Structure formats: structure tokens, C-alpha cells
Protein backbone atom coordinates (compact mmCIF):
# COMPACT_ATOMS: atom_id res chain seq x y z
CA UNK A 1 0.00 0.00 0.00
CA UNK A 2 1.37 3.40 -1.01
CA UNK A 3 1.26 6.14 1.61
CA UNK A 4 0.47 9.59 0.22
CA UNK A 5 2.47 12.16 2.20
CA UNK A 6 1.99 15.03 -0.26
CA UNK A 7 -0.05 17.01 2.30
CA UNK A 8 2.09 16.06 5.31
CA UNK A 9 4.48 18.65 6.80
CA UNK A 10 7.98 17.52 7.72
CA UNK A 11 7.15 17.33 11.42
CA UNK A 12 4.33 14.87 10.65
CA UNK A 13 6.57 12.82 8.36
CA UNK A 14 9.12 12.53 11.17
CA UNK A 15 6.39 11.32 13.51
CA UNK A 16 5.17 8.73 11.01
CA UNK A 17 8.74 7.49 10.49
CA UNK A 18 8.97 7.05 14.26
CA UNK A 19 5.77 4.98 14.27
CA UNK A 20 7.05 2.83 11.43
CA UNK A 21 10.69 2.41 12.40
CA UNK A 22 10.61 2.50 16.21
CA UNK A 23 7.10 1.47 17.21
CA UNK A 24 6.59 -0.99 14.37
CA UNK A 25 3.08 0.21 13.49
CA UNK A 26 1.44 -1.24 10.39
CA UNK A 27 1.09 0.79 7.20
CA UNK A 28 -2.69 0.82 7.64
CA UNK A 29 -2.38 2.35 11.12
CA UNK A 30 0.16 4.91 9.91
CA UNK A 31 -2.12 5.84 7.03
CA UNK A 32 -4.98 6.39 9.49
CA UNK A 33 -2.80 8.53 11.79
CA UNK A 34 -1.64 10.58 8.82
CA UNK A 35 -5.20 11.27 7.67
CA UNK A 36 -6.48 12.09 11.16
CA UNK A 37 -3.62 14.48 11.93
CA UNK A 38 -3.84 16.27 8.59
CA UNK A 39 -7.54 16.83 9.28
CA UNK A 40 -6.65 18.14 12.76
CA UNK A 41 -3.95 20.46 11.36
CA UNK A 42 -6.36 21.88 8.77
CA UNK A 43 -8.96 22.47 11.46
CA UNK A 44 -6.71 24.33 13.91
CA UNK A 45 -5.14 26.29 11.04
CA UNK A 46 -8.54 27.82 10.40
CA UNK A 47 -9.88 27.69 13.97
CA UNK A 48 -6.85 29.52 15.45
CA UNK A 49 -6.49 31.85 12.46
CA UNK A 50 -2.94 30.75 11.64
CA UNK A 51 -3.77 31.18 7.95
CA UNK A 52 -0.61 29.50 6.71
CA UNK A 53 0.05 26.37 4.75
CA UNK A 54 0.02 23.32 7.02
CA UNK A 55 3.23 22.32 5.23
CA UNK A 56 4.87 25.02 7.36
CA UNK A 57 3.59 23.61 10.66
CA UNK A 58 6.32 23.11 13.25
CA UNK A 59 6.63 22.54 17.00
CA UNK A 60 6.34 26.27 17.78
CA UNK A 61 2.99 26.47 16.00
CA UNK A 62 1.66 23.18 17.32
CA UNK A 63 2.47 24.00 20.93
CA UNK A 64 0.04 26.91 20.71
CA UNK A 65 -2.81 24.38 20.63
CA UNK A 66 -4.71 24.15 23.92
CA UNK A 67 -7.04 21.56 25.39
CA UNK A 68 -10.09 23.63 24.39
CA UNK A 69 -8.90 23.60 20.77
CA UNK A 70 -8.69 19.80 20.73
CA UNK A 71 -12.17 19.57 22.26
CA UNK A 72 -13.45 21.97 19.59
CA UNK A 73 -11.99 19.67 16.93
CA UNK A 74 -13.72 16.63 18.44
CA UNK A 75 -17.03 18.54 18.56
CA UNK A 76 -16.52 19.48 14.91
CA UNK A 77 -15.90 15.81 14.03
CA UNK A 78 -19.10 14.81 15.81
CA UNK A 79 -21.49 17.46 14.56
CA UNK A 80 -20.06 18.54 11.21
CA UNK A 81 -18.60 15.24 10.01
CA UNK A 82 -21.03 12.92 11.80
CA UNK A 83 -18.18 10.83 13.25
CA UNK A 84 -19.31 8.25 15.79
CA UNK A 85 -17.71 7.74 19.21
CA UNK A 86 -15.28 5.10 17.92
CA UNK A 87 -14.01 7.34 15.11
CA UNK A 88 -13.61 10.34 17.42
CA UNK A 89 -11.69 8.22 19.93
CA UNK A 90 -9.31 7.15 17.15
CA UNK A 91 -8.68 10.78 16.26
CA UNK A 92 -8.10 11.67 19.91
CA UNK A 93 -5.65 8.78 20.25
CA UNK A 94 -3.74 9.97 17.16
CA UNK A 95 -3.45 13.53 18.54
CA UNK A 96 -2.43 12.27 21.99
CA UNK A 97 0.26 9.99 20.58
CA UNK A 98 1.55 12.73 18.30
CA UNK A 99 1.94 15.23 21.15
CA UNK A 100 3.60 12.66 23.39
CA UNK A 101 6.16 12.15 20.64
CA UNK A 102 6.52 15.90 20.01
CA UNK A 103 7.15 16.61 23.69
CA UNK A 104 9.71 13.80 23.87
CA UNK A 105 11.66 15.35 20.99
CA UNK A 106 11.56 18.89 22.41
CA UNK A 107 14.92 20.18 23.74
CA UNK A 108 15.35 20.10 27.50
CA UNK A 109 14.53 23.30 29.32
CA UNK A 110 11.37 23.86 27.29
CA UNK A 111 8.31 22.57 29.06
CA UNK A 112 5.03 21.92 27.34
CA UNK A 113 2.02 19.85 28.37
CA UNK A 114 0.14 17.55 26.07
CA UNK A 115 -3.14 19.40 25.29
CA UNK A 116 -5.00 16.07 25.41
CA UNK A 117 -3.70 15.18 28.89
CA UNK A 118 -6.93 16.00 30.76
CA UNK A 119 -9.33 14.93 28.00
CA UNK A 120 -10.93 11.60 28.94
CA UNK A 121 -11.17 8.82 26.41
CA UNK A 122 -14.41 8.84 24.45
CA UNK A 123 -16.45 5.83 25.45
CA UNK A 124 -16.56 3.47 22.53
CA UNK A 125 -19.81 1.93 21.39
CA UNK A 126 -19.24 -1.79 21.06
CA UNK A 127 -20.53 -3.13 17.78
CA UNK A 128 -21.03 -6.76 16.95
CA UNK A 129 -18.76 -7.49 13.98
CA UNK A 130 -20.67 -8.15 10.77
CA UNK A 131 -20.13 -11.67 9.54
CA UNK A 132 -21.44 -14.18 7.02
CA UNK A 133 -23.66 -17.07 7.97
CA UNK A 134 -22.25 -20.59 7.87
CA UNK A 135 -24.07 -21.32 4.60
CA UNK A 136 -22.78 -18.12 3.00
CA UNK A 137 -19.22 -18.80 4.21
CA UNK A 138 -19.30 -22.22 2.54
CA UNK A 139 -20.78 -20.97 -0.73
CA UNK A 140 -18.51 -17.94 -1.16
CA UNK A 141 -15.40 -20.14 -1.30
CA UNK A 142 -16.66 -21.55 -4.62
CA UNK A 143 -18.18 -18.35 -5.97
CA UNK A 144 -15.54 -17.69 -8.64
CA UNK A 145 -15.67 -19.82 -11.78
CA UNK A 146 -14.06 -19.78 -15.22
CA UNK A 147 -17.20 -18.06 -16.48
CA UNK A 148 -16.95 -15.03 -14.17
CA UNK A 149 -13.22 -14.66 -13.50
CA UNK A 150 -9.97 -15.19 -15.36
CA UNK A 151 -8.23 -15.81 -12.02
CA UNK A 152 -10.95 -17.88 -10.36
CA UNK A 153 -8.51 -20.40 -8.82
CA UNK A 154 -6.47 -17.65 -7.15
CA UNK A 155 -9.55 -15.71 -6.06
CA UNK A 156 -11.21 -18.70 -4.43
CA UNK A 157 -7.94 -19.52 -2.67
CA UNK A 158 -7.73 -15.99 -1.26
CA UNK A 159 -11.34 -16.08 -0.02
CA UNK A 160 -10.72 -19.47 1.55
CA UNK A 161 -7.50 -18.25 3.18
CA UNK A 162 -9.35 -15.44 4.93
CA UNK A 163 -12.08 -17.79 6.17
CA UNK A 164 -9.67 -20.52 7.25
CA UNK A 165 -6.98 -18.47 8.96
CA UNK A 166 -8.68 -15.22 10.01
CA UNK A 167 -5.75 -13.39 8.42
CA UNK A 168 -5.59 -9.65 7.93
CA UNK A 169 -5.40 -8.46 4.32
CA UNK A 170 -1.89 -7.05 4.66
CA UNK A 171 -0.69 -10.34 6.16
CA UNK A 172 -1.81 -12.28 3.10
CA UNK A 173 -0.51 -9.90 0.44
CA UNK A 174 2.93 -9.80 2.10
CA UNK A 175 3.24 -13.59 2.36
CA UNK A 176 5.84 -15.35 0.20
CA UNK A 177 5.99 -18.86 -1.22
CA UNK A 178 8.56 -19.91 1.37
CA UNK A 179 6.12 -19.04 4.15
CA UNK A 180 3.73 -21.84 3.14
CA UNK A 181 4.15 -25.34 4.54
CA UNK A 182 1.55 -27.69 3.05
CA UNK A 183 2.93 -30.65 5.00
CA UNK A 184 1.82 -29.25 8.34
CA UNK A 185 -0.88 -26.95 6.87
CA UNK A 186 0.60 -23.67 8.07
CA UNK A 187 1.44 -20.21 6.80
CA UNK A 188 3.88 -17.88 8.56
CA UNK A 189 2.99 -14.18 8.33
CA UNK A 190 4.14 -10.90 9.81
CA UNK A 191 1.32 -9.44 11.88
CA UNK A 192 0.92 -6.09 13.56
CA UNK A 193 4.12 -4.69 15.05
CA UNK A 194 6.09 -6.88 12.60
CA UNK A 195 5.53 -9.85 14.90
CA UNK A 196 5.67 -13.26 13.25
CA UNK A 197 2.71 -15.54 13.76
CA UNK A 198 1.58 -18.90 12.44
CA UNK A 199 -1.72 -19.38 10.63
CA UNK A 200 -3.34 -22.78 10.23
CA UNK A 201 -5.00 -23.95 7.01
CA UNK A 202 -8.05 -26.18 7.11
CA UNK A 203 -8.46 -28.97 4.55
CA UNK A 204 -10.61 -26.92 2.18
CA UNK A 205 -8.13 -24.06 2.21
CA UNK A 206 -5.17 -26.40 1.75
CA UNK A 207 -6.75 -27.95 -1.34
CA UNK A 208 -7.54 -24.58 -2.90
CA UNK A 209 -4.11 -23.15 -2.08
CA UNK A 210 -2.35 -26.26 -3.44
CA UNK A 211 -4.33 -25.98 -6.67
CA UNK A 212 -3.41 -22.30 -6.99
CA UNK A 213 0.29 -22.83 -6.28
CA UNK A 214 0.42 -25.68 -8.80
CA UNK A 215 -1.17 -23.49 -11.47
CA UNK A 216 0.98 -20.50 -10.49
CA UNK A 217 4.24 -22.44 -10.73
CA UNK A 218 3.37 -23.94 -14.13
CA UNK A 219 3.34 -20.44 -15.58
CA UNK A 220 6.86 -19.57 -14.37
CA UNK A 221 10.13 -20.86 -15.79
CA UNK A 222 12.05 -20.41 -12.53
CA UNK A 223 10.46 -20.82 -9.11
CA UNK A 224 11.91 -18.58 -6.44
CA UNK A 225 10.62 -19.31 -2.93
CA UNK A 226 11.21 -15.66 -2.02
CA UNK A 227 8.57 -14.62 -4.54
CA UNK A 228 5.15 -13.37 -3.37
CA UNK A 229 2.58 -16.07 -2.71
CA UNK A 230 -0.27 -14.27 -4.46
CA UNK A 231 0.42 -12.60 -7.81
CA UNK A 232 -1.53 -10.06 -9.84
CA UNK A 233 -2.14 -10.19 -13.58
CA UNK A 234 1.33 -8.74 -14.23
CA UNK A 235 3.08 -11.42 -12.18
CA UNK A 236 3.90 -9.04 -9.33
CA UNK A 237 2.81 -9.08 -5.69
CA UNK A 238 -0.92 -8.61 -5.39
CA UNK A 239 -1.97 -5.30 -3.84
CA UNK A 240 -4.53 -4.41 -1.21
CA UNK A 241 -6.76 -2.76 -3.82
CA UNK A 242 -6.85 -5.97 -5.86
CA UNK A 243 -7.75 -8.05 -2.79
CA UNK A 244 -10.53 -5.60 -1.89
CA UNK A 245 -11.86 -5.80 -5.46
CA UNK A 246 -11.86 -9.61 -5.29
CA UNK A 247 -13.91 -9.54 -2.09
CA UNK A 248 -16.32 -6.93 -3.46
CA UNK A 249 -16.85 -9.03 -6.58
CA UNK A 250 -17.44 -12.13 -4.45
CA UNK A 251 -20.12 -10.32 -2.44
CA UNK A 252 -21.70 -9.08 -5.67
CA UNK A 253 -21.86 -12.61 -7.09
CA UNK A 254 -23.39 -13.76 -3.79
CA UNK A 255 -26.06 -11.04 -4.00
CA UNK A 256 -24.61 -9.36 -0.90
CA UNK A 257 -23.24 -6.16 -2.43
CA UNK A 258 -25.71 -3.97 -0.50
CA UNK A 259 -24.87 -5.46 2.90
CA UNK A 260 -21.85 -3.25 3.53
CA UNK A 261 -19.46 -6.20 3.79
CA UNK A 262 -15.71 -5.58 3.40
CA UNK A 263 -12.54 -7.63 3.19
CA UNK A 264 -12.37 -7.53 6.99
CA UNK A 265 -15.81 -9.16 7.14
CA UNK A 266 -14.17 -12.45 6.13
CA UNK A 267 -11.77 -12.21 9.09
CA UNK A 268 -14.73 -11.53 11.39
CA UNK A 269 -16.54 -14.49 9.85
CA UNK A 270 -13.59 -16.80 10.51
CA UNK A 271 -13.50 -15.72 14.15
CA UNK A 272 -17.27 -15.96 14.51
CA UNK A 273 -17.35 -19.52 13.12
CA UNK A 274 -14.69 -20.56 15.64
CA UNK A 275 -16.51 -18.90 18.54
CA UNK A 276 -20.01 -20.10 17.66
CA UNK A 277 -19.35 -23.64 16.47
CA UNK A 278 -16.01 -24.69 18.00
CA UNK A 279 -15.05 -23.09 21.29
CA UNK A 280 -15.96 -20.12 23.44
CA UNK A 281 -12.43 -19.97 24.87
CA UNK A 282 -11.58 -16.30 24.38
CA UNK A 283 -7.85 -16.98 24.79
CA UNK A 284 -7.91 -19.41 21.87
CA UNK A 285 -9.69 -16.82 19.74
CA UNK A 286 -7.19 -14.14 20.79
CA UNK A 287 -4.30 -16.25 19.51
CA UNK A 288 -6.23 -17.20 16.38
CA UNK A 289 -6.70 -13.53 15.48
CA UNK A 290 -3.28 -12.38 16.62
CA UNK A 291 -4.71 -9.76 18.96
CA UNK A 292 -2.32 -8.05 21.34
CA UNK A 293 -4.96 -7.55 24.02
CA UNK A 294 -7.80 -9.83 25.04
CA UNK A 295 -10.05 -6.77 25.36
CA UNK A 296 -10.00 -6.50 21.56
CA UNK A 297 -11.18 -10.08 21.22
CA UNK A 298 -14.02 -9.85 23.73
CA UNK A 299 -16.31 -8.19 21.18
CA UNK A 300 -16.98 -11.68 19.79
CA UNK A 301 -18.67 -12.74 23.01
CA UNK A 302 -21.58 -10.52 21.96
CA UNK A 303 -22.13 -12.74 18.92
CA UNK A 304 -22.59 -15.75 21.12
CA UNK A 305 -24.78 -13.76 23.50
CA UNK A 306 -27.11 -12.99 20.60
CA UNK A 307 -27.44 -16.72 19.90
CA UNK A 308 -28.18 -17.37 23.58
CA UNK A 309 -30.87 -14.67 23.57
CA UNK A 310 -32.43 -16.11 20.42
CA UNK A 311 -32.47 -19.59 21.98
CA UNK A 312 -34.10 -18.26 25.16
CA UNK A 313 -36.75 -16.40 23.15
CA UNK A 314 -37.62 -19.58 21.23
CA UNK A 315 -37.74 -21.73 24.35
CA UNK A 316 -41.34 -22.97 24.84
CA UNK A 317 -41.05 -21.94 28.50
CA UNK A 318 -40.56 -18.33 27.37
CA UNK A 319 -44.29 -17.67 27.63
CA UNK A 320 -45.50 -19.95 30.40
CA UNK A 321 -48.87 -18.20 30.66
CA UNK A 322 -49.82 -19.03 27.06
CA UNK A 323 -48.81 -22.66 27.50
CA UNK A 324 -50.91 -22.93 30.69
CA UNK A 325 -53.94 -21.36 29.04
CA UNK A 326 -53.63 -23.70 26.05
CA UNK A 327 -53.48 -26.74 28.33
CA UNK A 328 -56.56 -25.53 30.20
CA UNK A 329 -58.46 -25.12 26.92
CA UNK A 330 -57.57 -28.68 25.90
CA UNK A 331 -58.64 -30.01 29.30
């Protein structure tokens, strides 16, 4: 994924390099921080009447920002941009992290407080992750055919990989041939923070991936294990845009294009299938998804709670009065 820094001042670029090189943040996270902070810079440029190009922003300018200015930005995001609590919390976190870094790089003898220091975190609204049903998850792995896609073998393998392993999109596109071990049904990927983790392939995924690799290798004179696992039409590493297009096309062929499903929906589906049909052990699911904190994984417990509620509602003892009245009528 290419990161557009054309609107980013040097001070922001230095911060993003710190996140990438020192903190090991993913490109997706850095892209989000970049967008959120550019929006914040544009807002305070107008709100505080700086009236200069944000490309000229430096520490001296940014340290003029006060807590009230940050709060004004968050209010603007809520009322003018209709950002929900989760989105506003992400923006607050980006600003807070940026100022922590800025203060740490300020020469000694110059004191400055983080303007977000006293601003409480915005309470997030927990949302149940959107996921496919079991029937849909089975069908979508065979949705591409020779009639609707030139690369149907590759596309089905990618869909199946998401549903089998719960991988993130960037983990799959950065995988190489050498990372696959079909003998023990595993794939080694680099997750968030450049941490290596092992993904496990189920039998369906293994068969589809084996078929793709066999076809892929037949088309190449020399096989280099350091080459990307998934290739685009030009024989280069597949990109995130291509993967997103594959998933969008799959949803369209399934008649689900209006459901708001994304590439990440397949990862949620993989986790949901494990939690609903296999085990409710949240620690197992945490490792499956490669989450750093168990608090991130706990959102899936709400899926199971919905199933419990549905079962309780359908229980014939749910309306004891009606049952009693019916028995009396029969008597």
C-alpha cells in the first residue's frame, strides 16, 4: 500500500517514520494517523487563524494548541462530520500519541504539556462485527468460476485463506511462497508490530491453495521461494486494492453487495465460526486472530450472546402463561 504524504508537513513525516521504524506500526495504522492528523492540522489552522500552509507547521505552532482547541476539533468531528464515538476516539488517540512524541523530541529546558492530557477517552460503542452465515461462508469459497473470472482459482484460494486463517489483508498480500508449509498446513505471516505468527490452514483451504500454487508455478520458468505467494495479472505481488476488489466481486456474485461487507468481514466471519461452532475460549480466539490484548477479542462474546438470547426467546417456557392457558383449553 502506497502512503500519500503530499499534504504532510515535515514534522508529521518525522512522527510517522517514528511509528514505522521505532514502534513498528502497520502501514494501515500509519495511514490512518496521517489522515487524522492532517484533518486536525487543517482544522486548527482555520480555527486559530494561523492562515498558513500546514506544510509550514512546526513545533512552535503546534504548541500553541490548547485543550479547548482539541475539544473543539472533536465537537466538529461529531457534529459537522457525523463521526461516531469510535471514530472520534481514534482521532483523539492519534493527537495524543503525536503530542507525546513531540514533547519527547523537544529540547530540554522547554516545558510543554500535552493538550490532550486531561481529555478523557471517548467511550466506545461496542458493535457486533458483521459476519457471514455458515451457509454463506461455505458458498462464497466456490463463488468464482471460469465463467466469471480469469483468475478464479487464485480468487477462491484468497477467499478461503481469509475464512480458514482469520488473516488480515496485509498479512496475506505480504506472504511469500517460502512461508507456506503444506505438510503441516501452516502459513507464517508478519502481523501487527512486525511480529511473526503462524496461521493454520483447514483442509478446504489447503486444497484450494495447493491448486493455486500448482497453477501458479506452471506459468513460471524459474520458481523462487522468495517470490510473493499471491500474484496479480502482471506477475507481481498482489496489492490491497486488488484483494478488496476480489472480495467486493465475491459479495456481488453472492447477492450481498448492499450489505456493507468488506474484506475484513471475512476475518470476522472466521472468528465468529470458531466462537459459535467450535469453542468459546476467548484466549484461543485471541491467539487465532493475533490480537495483542484480550479486550480487543471480547467483542466476539456478543455474537454468542445474541445466539443465547435467540435460543431463550424460542424456548417454549418463554411464555408460560400461554402454555398454561392452552393446556386448560384442551382439558
